[in-house]
Protein backbone atom coordinates (compact mmCIF):
# COMPACT_ATOMS: atom_id res chain seq x y z
CA MET A 1 -35.59 55.57 -59.56
CA LEU A 2 -32.62 53.42 -58.48
CA GLU A 3 -30.28 56.42 -58.43
CA ARG A 4 -32.70 58.26 -56.15
CA ILE A 5 -32.79 55.30 -53.75
CA LEU A 6 -28.99 55.25 -53.62
CA ALA A 7 -28.68 59.02 -53.19
CA LYS A 8 -31.24 59.05 -50.41
CA ALA A 9 -29.30 56.30 -48.63
CA GLY A 10 -26.15 58.45 -48.75
CA TYR A 11 -24.23 56.70 -51.54
CA GLU A 12 -21.94 59.01 -53.50
CA HIS A 13 -20.06 58.71 -56.78
CA VAL A 14 -22.89 56.83 -58.48
CA THR A 15 -22.36 56.70 -62.24
CA SER A 16 -24.89 55.34 -64.71
CA THR A 17 -25.52 54.86 -68.40
CA THR A 18 -28.45 53.67 -70.47
CA ASN A 19 -26.19 52.73 -73.38
CA SER A 20 -25.14 49.10 -72.99
CA THR A 21 -22.30 49.52 -75.49
CA GLU A 22 -20.64 51.98 -73.10
CA ALA A 23 -20.87 49.75 -70.04
CA LEU A 24 -17.43 48.16 -70.27
CA ALA A 25 -15.70 51.46 -71.04
CA LEU A 26 -17.52 53.05 -68.11
CA LYS A 27 -16.38 50.26 -65.78
CA THR A 28 -12.78 50.70 -66.92
CA ARG A 29 -12.89 54.44 -66.36
CA VAL A 30 -14.81 54.54 -63.06
CA LYS A 31 -13.41 51.35 -61.43
CA PRO A 32 -16.60 50.71 -59.41
CA ASP A 33 -16.96 48.78 -56.17
CA LEU A 34 -20.25 47.26 -57.35
CA ILE A 35 -22.24 47.09 -60.60
CA LEU A 36 -26.04 47.11 -60.93
CA LEU A 37 -26.84 45.78 -64.39
CA ASP A 38 -30.26 45.84 -66.02
CA LEU A 39 -31.03 42.67 -67.92
CA HIS A 40 -33.11 44.45 -70.56
CA MET A 41 -31.24 47.20 -72.40
CA ARG A 42 -30.95 48.50 -75.94
CA GLU A 43 -28.19 47.40 -78.33
CA LYS A 44 -26.95 44.56 -76.03
CA ASP A 45 -28.90 42.70 -73.39
CA GLY A 46 -27.64 42.31 -69.84
CA PHE A 47 -26.32 38.80 -70.45
CA ALA A 48 -23.94 40.01 -73.18
CA VAL A 49 -22.75 42.93 -71.07
CA LEU A 50 -22.31 40.63 -68.06
CA GLU A 51 -20.08 38.32 -70.09
CA GLU A 52 -17.92 41.27 -71.14
CA ILE A 53 -17.61 42.56 -67.59
CA VAL A 54 -16.73 39.18 -66.10
CA ALA A 55 -14.17 38.53 -68.86
CA HIS A 56 -12.64 41.94 -68.17
CA ASN A 57 -12.45 41.46 -64.39
CA GLY A 58 -8.97 40.70 -63.12
CA ALA A 59 -8.47 37.63 -60.94
CA ALA A 60 -8.04 39.83 -57.86
CA GLU A 61 -10.65 42.46 -58.77
CA HIS A 62 -13.84 40.90 -57.36
CA VAL A 63 -16.37 43.52 -58.52
CA PRO A 64 -19.80 42.02 -57.74
CA VAL A 65 -22.54 42.36 -60.36
CA ILE A 66 -26.19 42.52 -59.25
CA MET A 67 -28.69 41.92 -62.03
CA ILE A 68 -31.82 44.09 -62.25
CA THR A 69 -34.76 42.28 -63.82
CA ALA A 70 -38.50 41.90 -63.77
CA ASP A 71 -38.03 38.34 -65.03
CA ASP A 72 -38.17 36.15 -61.94
CA SER A 73 -37.85 32.84 -63.77
CA ALA A 74 -35.45 30.19 -62.51
CA ASP A 75 -33.86 29.81 -65.98
CA THR A 76 -32.99 33.51 -66.12
CA LYS A 77 -31.42 33.42 -62.68
CA ARG A 78 -29.47 30.24 -63.38
CA HIS A 79 -28.14 31.67 -66.64
CA ALA A 80 -27.06 34.93 -65.00
CA LEU A 81 -25.40 33.12 -62.09
CA ALA A 82 -23.60 30.83 -64.51
CA LEU A 83 -22.23 33.90 -66.32
CA GLY A 84 -20.92 35.40 -63.09
CA ALA A 85 -23.71 37.49 -61.54
CA LYS A 86 -23.68 37.54 -57.73
CA ASP A 87 -27.28 38.52 -56.96
CA PHE A 88 -30.61 39.85 -58.28
CA VAL A 89 -32.83 42.86 -57.62
CA GLY A 90 -36.40 42.56 -58.80
CA LYS A 91 -38.61 45.18 -60.41
CA PRO A 92 -40.47 47.07 -59.11
CA PHE A 93 -37.81 48.03 -56.56
CA ASP A 94 -38.20 47.41 -52.87
CA SER A 95 -35.92 50.10 -51.43
CA ALA A 96 -35.12 48.19 -48.24
CA GLU A 97 -34.25 45.02 -50.16
CA VAL A 98 -32.15 46.89 -52.72
CA LEU A 99 -30.13 48.69 -50.07
CA LEU A 100 -29.67 45.53 -48.00
CA ARG A 101 -28.35 43.55 -50.97
CA ILE A 102 -26.03 46.38 -52.01
CA ARG A 103 -24.69 46.79 -48.48
CA ASN A 104 -24.06 43.05 -48.12
CA HIS A 105 -22.14 42.83 -51.39
CA LEU A 106 -20.11 45.97 -50.67
CA GLU A 107 -19.17 44.59 -47.26
CA THR A 108 -18.17 41.32 -48.92
CA ARG A 109 -16.05 43.21 -51.47
CA PHE A 110 -14.32 45.31 -48.83
CA LEU A 111 -13.62 42.24 -46.70
CA TYR A 112 -12.27 40.48 -49.78
CA GLN A 113 -9.99 43.44 -50.53
CA LYS A 114 -8.80 43.52 -46.93
CA LEU A 115 -8.07 39.80 -47.00
CA ARG A 116 -6.29 40.15 -50.34
CA ASP A 117 -4.13 43.00 -49.03
CA GLN A 118 -3.33 41.04 -45.88
CA ASN A 119 -2.36 38.03 -47.99
CA VAL A 120 -0.10 40.19 -50.15
CA GLU A 121 1.54 41.63 -47.03
CA LEU A 122 1.88 38.17 -45.50
CA GLU A 123 3.37 36.75 -48.69
CA ALA A 124 5.88 39.60 -48.79
CA LYS A 125 6.87 38.86 -45.20
CA VAL A 126 7.16 35.14 -45.96
CA VAL A 127 9.32 35.87 -49.01
CA GLU A 128 11.53 38.19 -46.97
CA ARG A 129 11.82 35.68 -44.14
CA THR A 130 12.56 32.89 -46.60
CA LYS A 131 15.32 35.00 -48.14
CA GLU A 132 16.77 35.64 -44.70
CA LEU A 133 16.72 31.94 -43.86
CA GLU A 134 18.24 30.99 -47.21
CA GLN A 135 20.93 33.65 -46.80
CA SER A 136 21.69 32.31 -43.34
CA GLN A 137 21.81 28.77 -44.72
CA LEU A 138 24.11 29.88 -47.53
CA GLU A 139 26.45 31.66 -45.12
CA VAL A 140 26.74 28.47 -43.08
CA LEU A 141 27.46 26.47 -46.23
CA GLU A 142 30.02 29.01 -47.44
CA ARG A 143 31.81 28.89 -44.09
CA LEU A 144 31.72 25.11 -44.21
CA ALA A 145 33.17 25.16 -47.73
CA ALA A 146 35.91 27.52 -46.54
CA ALA A 147 36.65 25.22 -43.62
CA VAL A 148 36.95 22.28 -46.01
CA GLU A 149 39.34 24.23 -48.22
CA PHE A 150 41.53 25.25 -45.30
CA ARG A 151 42.14 21.54 -44.71
CA ASP A 152 44.31 21.37 -47.83
CA ASP A 153 44.80 25.05 -48.76
CA ASP A 154 45.82 27.24 -45.85
CA THR A 155 45.23 30.43 -47.86
CA GLY A 156 41.61 29.62 -48.69
CA ASN A 157 42.00 31.46 -52.00
CA HIS A 158 41.22 28.60 -54.38
CA THR A 159 37.45 28.99 -54.12
CA ARG A 160 37.72 32.77 -54.49
CA ARG A 161 39.76 32.42 -57.68
CA VAL A 162 37.45 29.75 -59.10
CA ALA A 163 34.50 32.06 -58.44
CA GLN A 164 36.20 34.97 -60.22
CA VAL A 165 37.27 32.93 -63.23
CA SER A 166 33.82 31.33 -63.47
CA ALA A 167 32.17 34.75 -63.46
CA MET A 168 34.59 36.01 -66.13
CA LEU A 169 33.79 33.02 -68.33
CA ALA A 170 30.05 33.32 -67.79
CA GLN A 171 30.19 36.98 -68.78
CA ALA A 172 32.44 36.28 -71.76
CA ILE A 173 30.03 33.72 -73.25
CA GLY A 174 27.21 36.26 -73.01
CA LEU A 175 25.17 35.18 -69.99
CA GLU A 176 22.94 37.74 -68.30
CA ASN A 177 24.36 39.66 -65.35
CA THR A 178 21.99 37.94 -62.91
CA THR A 179 23.21 34.52 -64.06
CA VAL A 180 26.84 35.64 -63.92
CA GLU A 181 26.32 36.73 -60.31
CA LEU A 182 24.60 33.44 -59.43
CA ILE A 183 27.55 31.49 -60.82
CA ARG A 184 30.04 33.73 -59.01
CA ARG A 185 28.28 33.11 -55.69
CA ALA A 186 27.62 29.41 -56.28
CA ALA A 187 31.08 28.43 -57.55
CA PRO A 188 32.82 28.52 -54.13
CA LEU A 189 30.61 25.64 -53.01
CA HIS A 190 31.76 23.30 -55.79
CA ASP A 191 33.87 21.15 -53.46
CA ILE A 192 31.73 21.40 -50.34
CA GLY A 193 31.22 17.63 -50.42
CA LYS A 194 34.87 17.17 -49.44
CA VAL A 195 33.71 17.68 -45.87
CA GLY A 196 32.80 13.99 -46.05
CA ILE A 197 36.20 12.83 -47.34
CA PRO A 198 38.71 11.48 -44.76
CA ASP A 199 41.85 13.56 -44.13
CA SER A 200 43.99 10.55 -45.00
CA ILE A 201 42.72 10.85 -48.57
CA LEU A 202 42.07 14.59 -48.87
CA LEU A 203 45.49 15.57 -47.48
CA LYS A 204 47.54 12.81 -49.07
CA ALA A 205 50.74 14.25 -50.52
CA GLY A 206 51.10 11.77 -53.36
CA PRO A 207 48.78 10.34 -56.02
CA LEU A 208 45.68 8.51 -54.80
CA THR A 209 45.24 4.77 -55.20
CA GLY A 210 42.32 3.54 -57.28
CA GLU A 211 40.30 2.81 -54.16
CA GLU A 212 41.12 6.19 -52.65
CA PHE A 213 40.14 7.97 -55.84
CA GLU A 214 36.76 6.23 -55.84
CA ILE A 215 36.19 7.59 -52.33
CA MET A 216 37.36 11.06 -53.39
CA LYS A 217 34.87 11.02 -56.28
CA THR A 218 31.99 10.72 -53.83
CA HIS A 219 32.47 14.37 -52.80
CA THR A 220 30.29 15.34 -55.77
CA VAL A 221 27.35 13.29 -54.51
CA ILE A 222 27.91 14.33 -50.90
CA GLY A 223 27.92 18.00 -51.89
CA SER A 224 24.83 17.56 -54.04
CA ARG A 225 22.94 16.00 -51.14
CA MET A 226 24.02 18.74 -48.76
CA LEU A 227 22.55 21.35 -51.10
CA SER A 228 19.51 19.42 -52.30
CA LYS A 229 17.00 20.89 -49.84
CA GLY A 230 17.54 24.52 -50.82
CA ARG A 231 14.70 26.27 -52.63
CA SER A 232 16.46 29.42 -53.77
CA GLU A 233 17.89 29.66 -57.27
CA LEU A 234 21.33 30.26 -55.80
CA VAL A 235 21.29 27.03 -53.79
CA ARG A 236 19.95 25.13 -56.82
CA PHE A 237 22.84 26.50 -58.91
CA SER A 238 25.25 25.45 -56.16
CA GLN A 239 23.74 21.96 -56.02
CA ARG A 240 24.12 21.41 -59.77
CA ILE A 241 27.70 22.69 -59.72
CA ALA A 242 28.65 20.53 -56.73
CA ARG A 243 27.29 17.42 -58.42
CA SER A 244 28.40 17.94 -62.01
CA HIS A 245 31.68 19.90 -62.05
CA HIS A 246 33.63 16.68 -62.67
CA GLU A 247 31.45 15.52 -65.57
CA TRP A 248 33.29 15.47 -68.91
CA TRP A 249 32.03 16.62 -72.25
CA ASP A 250 32.43 13.13 -73.76
CA GLY A 251 30.50 11.45 -70.92
CA SER A 252 33.48 9.82 -69.22
CA GLY A 253 33.38 11.96 -66.07
CA TYR A 254 31.60 11.38 -62.78
CA PRO A 255 29.33 10.80 -60.91
CA ASP A 256 26.55 10.43 -63.51
CA ARG A 257 28.58 10.10 -66.75
CA VAL A 258 26.38 12.63 -68.52
CA SER A 259 27.76 14.32 -71.61
CA GLY A 260 27.62 17.46 -73.73
CA GLN A 261 24.86 19.91 -73.03
CA SER A 262 23.23 17.47 -70.62
CA ILE A 263 25.84 18.74 -68.16
CA PRO A 264 24.48 21.92 -66.53
CA LEU A 265 26.10 24.99 -68.10
CA GLU A 266 27.16 26.41 -64.74
CA ALA A 267 28.95 23.12 -63.95
CA ARG A 268 30.73 23.16 -67.32
CA ILE A 269 31.97 26.68 -66.58
CA VAL A 270 33.19 25.86 -63.07
CA ALA A 271 34.86 22.67 -64.33
CA ILE A 272 37.22 24.66 -66.54
CA ALA A 273 37.77 27.37 -63.92
CA ASP A 274 38.60 24.73 -61.30
CA PHE A 275 41.00 22.93 -63.65
CA LEU A 276 42.71 26.19 -64.65
CA ASP A 277 43.28 27.21 -61.05
CA ALA A 278 44.41 23.75 -59.97
CA LEU A 279 47.11 23.59 -62.66
CA THR A 280 48.39 27.14 -62.24
CA HIS A 281 48.98 26.70 -58.49
CA GLU A 282 51.43 24.45 -56.74
CA ARG A 283 50.34 21.20 -55.18
CA PRO A 284 52.33 18.99 -52.76
CA TYR A 285 52.87 16.45 -55.53
CA ARG A 286 53.69 18.82 -58.45
CA PRO A 287 54.84 22.37 -59.23
CA ALA A 288 52.54 25.03 -60.66
CA TRP A 289 52.11 25.18 -64.44
CA GLY A 290 52.50 28.37 -66.46
CA ILE A 291 49.37 29.93 -67.93
CA ASP A 292 50.38 29.19 -71.54
CA GLU A 293 51.07 25.55 -70.73
CA THR A 294 47.74 25.31 -68.87
CA LEU A 295 45.77 26.87 -71.72
CA ALA A 296 47.40 24.46 -74.16
CA GLU A 297 46.34 21.53 -71.97
CA ILE A 298 42.77 22.82 -71.78
CA LYS A 299 42.73 23.21 -75.56
CA ARG A 300 43.95 19.63 -75.91
CA ARG A 301 41.07 18.45 -73.71
CA SER A 302 38.47 20.58 -75.48
CA GLY A 303 35.68 18.39 -76.85
CA THR A 304 36.63 15.47 -74.62
CA HIS A 305 36.81 16.86 -71.09
CA PHE A 306 35.57 20.39 -71.62
CA ASP A 307 32.85 22.26 -73.50
CA PRO A 308 34.59 23.44 -76.72
CA ILE A 309 32.88 26.84 -76.71
CA ILE A 310 33.84 27.59 -73.11
CA ALA A 311 37.39 26.31 -73.72
CA ARG A 312 37.71 28.59 -76.75
CA THR A 313 36.34 31.52 -74.77
CA LEU A 314 38.85 30.86 -72.00
CA ALA A 315 41.72 30.98 -74.50
CA GLU A 316 40.56 34.39 -75.78
CA ILE A 317 40.89 36.06 -72.36
CA ASP A 318 44.08 38.08 -71.84
CA TRP A 319 45.38 36.25 -68.78
CA GLN A 320 48.69 38.10 -68.80
CA SER A 321 46.95 41.35 -67.86
CA THR A 322 44.64 39.98 -65.18
CA SER A 323 45.43 39.37 -61.53
CA VAL A 324 42.70 36.78 -61.00
CA LEU A 325 45.12 33.85 -60.92
CA VAL A 326 47.52 35.53 -58.51
CA ALA A 327 47.53 33.84 -55.08
């Protein structure tokens, strides 16, 4: 009877079963836009089948279920609604009412699908726009970091070398490629906070006084604050590196005096890379160290200043055959 009403109204692709145990499998196979479910069936009643269907529905599926029943009691309706039914059709059928209810729920489903698709499209656009904004922000920060470096390194190669060594170390200790790339891109921003340090201190040719060194140490906090508003994983990596790359393994570093594995891994990696590059390149107040002498110094500081595992990994790299430390 119901199938005839639907066919006469022009509905196509109507599939039915009288076996309640097949209902869920039929839904999975057919992927219907709407389900008409009789409350009284053999094997399982409509309530049991309704529970299965609702449990099977995906969060974004929204397949409305209309219950068919001759039982017009309030308890029956409340129970069905509580289980997830959207509407009721009474027996005997009133063709006009049946078709009106079906049309209304199909329109609601199609509008829901349209809204869902629009939301997905909008979210994709928002994600893409956010990435563009974050990339633009990062480019500005990278240029700022380069400008800071040019203040005391006219080649601008220190940050490039630190990034390369950091990536080599990250890969050598077994980090995933995506994490290695994040560290490679974040490492150049480790000293971005030096933009807030006066030239009289940053460019001083000799050793800093105690007071000057305390001011110099604030570049970690300044850099951390500059990067604190970023939402991308890359900016968050950069923020942690900027803040913690002068923390020491034994807790005697700065600015937070954290120790061991409480120091972010990416900051521990950059700390060694930064130290390695600083020693192997000339400074106004000292000549460059040789690689063997530098590695020996890092080994000596392993477990106090540096993560022992990263320090050991650094020593295992064949630095004589790599050009990373060259200019």
